[in-house]
Amino acid sequence: MKKKIPKFKTEVEEQEFWSKADSTEYIEWGKAKRMVLPKLKPSLKTISLRLPEAMLEELKLLANKRDVPYQSLLKMFLSERIEKEFKHV
């Protein structure tokens, strides 16, 4: 029998609890099912990135060919490369 998950008053209280608790004492992960949460938006952080002007112009040209904003194309490129790097580790 697994331990009962306590009720939390705030999200901060819940985060504090799970940062110290062993979830396997509370949840039977073998019975867990994958879920897709389509309306869940990832947390975003704005950054400043300095690029050579020529690189930025080339990125904009590629984005224009694909009919997407250049920032979105840059995120796609970064995502693909990060995934590739993790597969080679």
C-alpha atoms as a PDB file:
ATOM      1  CA  MET A   1       0.000   0.000   0.000  1.00  0.00           C
ATOM      2  CA  LYS A   2       1.336   3.389  -1.002  1.00  0.00           C
ATOM      3  CA  LYS A   3       1.404   6.435   1.244  1.00  0.00           C
ATOM      4  CA  LYS A   4      -1.399   8.964   0.836  1.00  0.00           C
ATOM      5  CA  ILE A   5      -0.399  12.194  -0.934  1.00  0.00           C
ATOM      6  CA  PRO A   6      -1.014  15.112   1.413  1.00  0.00           C
ATOM      7  CA  LYS A   7      -3.252  18.066   0.540  1.00  0.00           C
ATOM      8  CA  PHE A   8      -1.335  21.240  -0.239  1.00  0.00           C
ATOM      9  CA  LYS A   9      -2.424  24.813   0.418  1.00  0.00           C
ATOM     10  CA  THR A  10      -0.173  26.325  -2.235  1.00  0.00           C
ATOM     11  CA  GLU A  11       1.825  25.273  -5.266  1.00  0.00           C
ATOM     12  CA  VAL A  12       5.002  26.360  -3.475  1.00  0.00           C
ATOM     13  CA  GLU A  13       4.167  24.027  -0.587  1.00  0.00           C
ATOM     14  CA  GLU A  14       3.636  21.171  -3.049  1.00  0.00           C
ATOM     15  CA  GLN A  15       6.908  21.907  -4.848  1.00  0.00           C
ATOM     16  CA  GLU A  16       8.752  21.899  -1.525  1.00  0.00           C
ATOM     17  CA  PHE A  17       7.196  18.551  -0.601  1.00  0.00           C
ATOM     18  CA  TRP A  18       8.053  16.830  -3.906  1.00  0.00           C
ATOM     19  CA  SER A  19      11.591  18.231  -3.912  1.00  0.00           C
ATOM     20  CA  LYS A  20      12.272  16.130  -0.779  1.00  0.00           C
ATOM     21  CA  ALA A  21       9.845  13.199  -1.080  1.00  0.00           C
ATOM     22  CA  ASP A  22      10.481   9.928  -2.894  1.00  0.00           C
ATOM     23  CA  SER A  23       7.577   9.744  -5.344  1.00  0.00           C
ATOM     24  CA  THR A  24       7.810   5.945  -5.532  1.00  0.00           C
ATOM     25  CA  GLU A  25       6.491   5.832  -1.958  1.00  0.00           C
ATOM     26  CA  TYR A  26       3.307   7.601  -3.141  1.00  0.00           C
ATOM     27  CA  ILE A  27       2.789   6.641  -6.779  1.00  0.00           C
ATOM     28  CA  GLU A  28       2.853   3.286  -8.565  1.00  0.00           C
ATOM     29  CA  TRP A  29       4.780   4.400 -11.636  1.00  0.00           C
ATOM     30  CA  GLY A  30       4.399   0.976 -13.252  1.00  0.00           C
ATOM     31  CA  LYS A  31       0.681   1.673 -13.636  1.00  0.00           C
ATOM     32  CA  ALA A  32       1.175   5.208 -14.928  1.00  0.00           C
ATOM     33  CA  LYS A  33      -0.015   6.125 -18.412  1.00  0.00           C
ATOM     34  CA  ARG A  34       1.404   8.766 -20.740  1.00  0.00           C
ATOM     35  CA  MET A  35      -0.799  11.791 -21.303  1.00  0.00           C
ATOM     36  CA  VAL A  36      -0.744  14.593 -23.803  1.00  0.00           C
ATOM     37  CA  LEU A  37      -1.672  17.973 -22.383  1.00  0.00           C
ATOM     38  CA  PRO A  38      -2.220  20.044 -25.538  1.00  0.00           C
ATOM     39  CA  LYS A  39      -3.271  23.235 -23.767  1.00  0.00           C
ATOM     40  CA  LEU A  40      -0.276  23.244 -21.433  1.00  0.00           C
ATOM     41  CA  LYS A  41       2.113  25.975 -22.501  1.00  0.00           C
ATOM     42  CA  PRO A  42       5.808  25.682 -21.682  1.00  0.00           C
ATOM     43  CA  SER A  43       7.404  28.352 -19.552  1.00  0.00           C
ATOM     44  CA  LEU A  44       9.253  30.829 -21.700  1.00  0.00           C
ATOM     45  CA  LYS A  45      12.187  33.048 -20.886  1.00  0.00           C
ATOM     46  CA  THR A  46      13.222  35.980 -23.020  1.00  0.00           C
ATOM     47  CA  ILE A  47      16.915  36.119 -23.837  1.00  0.00           C
ATOM     48  CA  SER A  48      19.149  38.454 -25.742  1.00  0.00           C
ATOM     49  CA  LEU A  49      21.189  36.795 -28.466  1.00  0.00           C
ATOM     50  CA  ARG A  50      23.834  38.485 -30.550  1.00  0.00           C
ATOM     51  CA  LEU A  51      24.254  37.068 -34.042  1.00  0.00           C
ATOM     52  CA  PRO A  52      26.364  38.202 -36.963  1.00  0.00           C
ATOM     53  CA  GLU A  53      24.183  40.292 -39.271  1.00  0.00           C
ATOM     54  CA  ALA A  54      24.853  37.990 -42.224  1.00  0.00           C
ATOM     55  CA  MET A  55      23.708  34.959 -40.212  1.00  0.00           C
ATOM     56  CA  LEU A  56      20.531  36.756 -39.158  1.00  0.00           C
ATOM     57  CA  GLU A  57      19.776  37.735 -42.773  1.00  0.00           C
ATOM     58  CA  GLU A  58      20.296  34.139 -43.915  1.00  0.00           C
ATOM     59  CA  LEU A  59      18.015  32.926 -41.134  1.00  0.00           C
ATOM     60  CA  LYS A  60      15.339  35.389 -42.220  1.00  0.00           C
ATOM     61  CA  LEU A  61      15.651  34.219 -45.834  1.00  0.00           C
ATOM     62  CA  LEU A  62      15.242  30.583 -44.797  1.00  0.00           C
ATOM     63  CA  ALA A  63      12.295  31.480 -42.588  1.00  0.00           C
ATOM     64  CA  ASN A  64      10.668  33.396 -45.413  1.00  0.00           C
ATOM     65  CA  LYS A  65      10.999  30.359 -47.714  1.00  0.00           C
ATOM     66  CA  ARG A  66       9.263  28.230 -45.077  1.00  0.00           C
ATOM     67  CA  ASP A  67       6.704  30.953 -44.327  1.00  0.00           C
ATOM     68  CA  VAL A  68       7.472  31.027 -40.600  1.00  0.00           C
ATOM     69  CA  PRO A  69       8.807  33.798 -38.352  1.00  0.00           C
ATOM     70  CA  TYR A  70      12.591  33.675 -38.096  1.00  0.00           C
ATOM     71  CA  GLN A  71      12.431  33.362 -34.295  1.00  0.00           C
ATOM     72  CA  SER A  72      10.285  30.232 -34.675  1.00  0.00           C
ATOM     73  CA  LEU A  73      12.689  28.782 -37.211  1.00  0.00           C
ATOM     74  CA  LEU A  74      15.603  29.441 -34.864  1.00  0.00           C
ATOM     75  CA  LYS A  75      13.762  27.598 -32.062  1.00  0.00           C
ATOM     76  CA  MET A  76      13.103  24.676 -34.425  1.00  0.00           C
ATOM     77  CA  PHE A  77      16.795  24.513 -35.376  1.00  0.00           C
ATOM     78  CA  LEU A  78      17.876  24.661 -31.734  1.00  0.00           C
ATOM     79  CA  SER A  79      15.377  21.994 -30.725  1.00  0.00           C
ATOM     80  CA  GLU A  80      16.540  19.639 -33.487  1.00  0.00           C
ATOM     81  CA  ARG A  81      20.185  20.115 -32.580  1.00  0.00           C
ATOM     82  CA  ILE A  82      19.620  19.651 -28.854  1.00  0.00           C
ATOM     83  CA  GLU A  83      17.721  16.421 -29.523  1.00  0.00           C
ATOM     84  CA  LYS A  84      20.535  15.212 -31.792  1.00  0.00           C
ATOM     85  CA  GLU A  85      23.191  16.021 -29.171  1.00  0.00           C
ATOM     86  CA  PHE A  86      21.343  14.101 -26.457  1.00  0.00           C
ATOM     87  CA  LYS A  87      21.002  11.062 -28.706  1.00  0.00           C
ATOM     88  CA  HIS A  88      24.795  10.987 -29.176  1.00  0.00           C
ATOM     89  CA  VAL A  89      25.649  11.233 -25.475  1.00  0.00           C
END
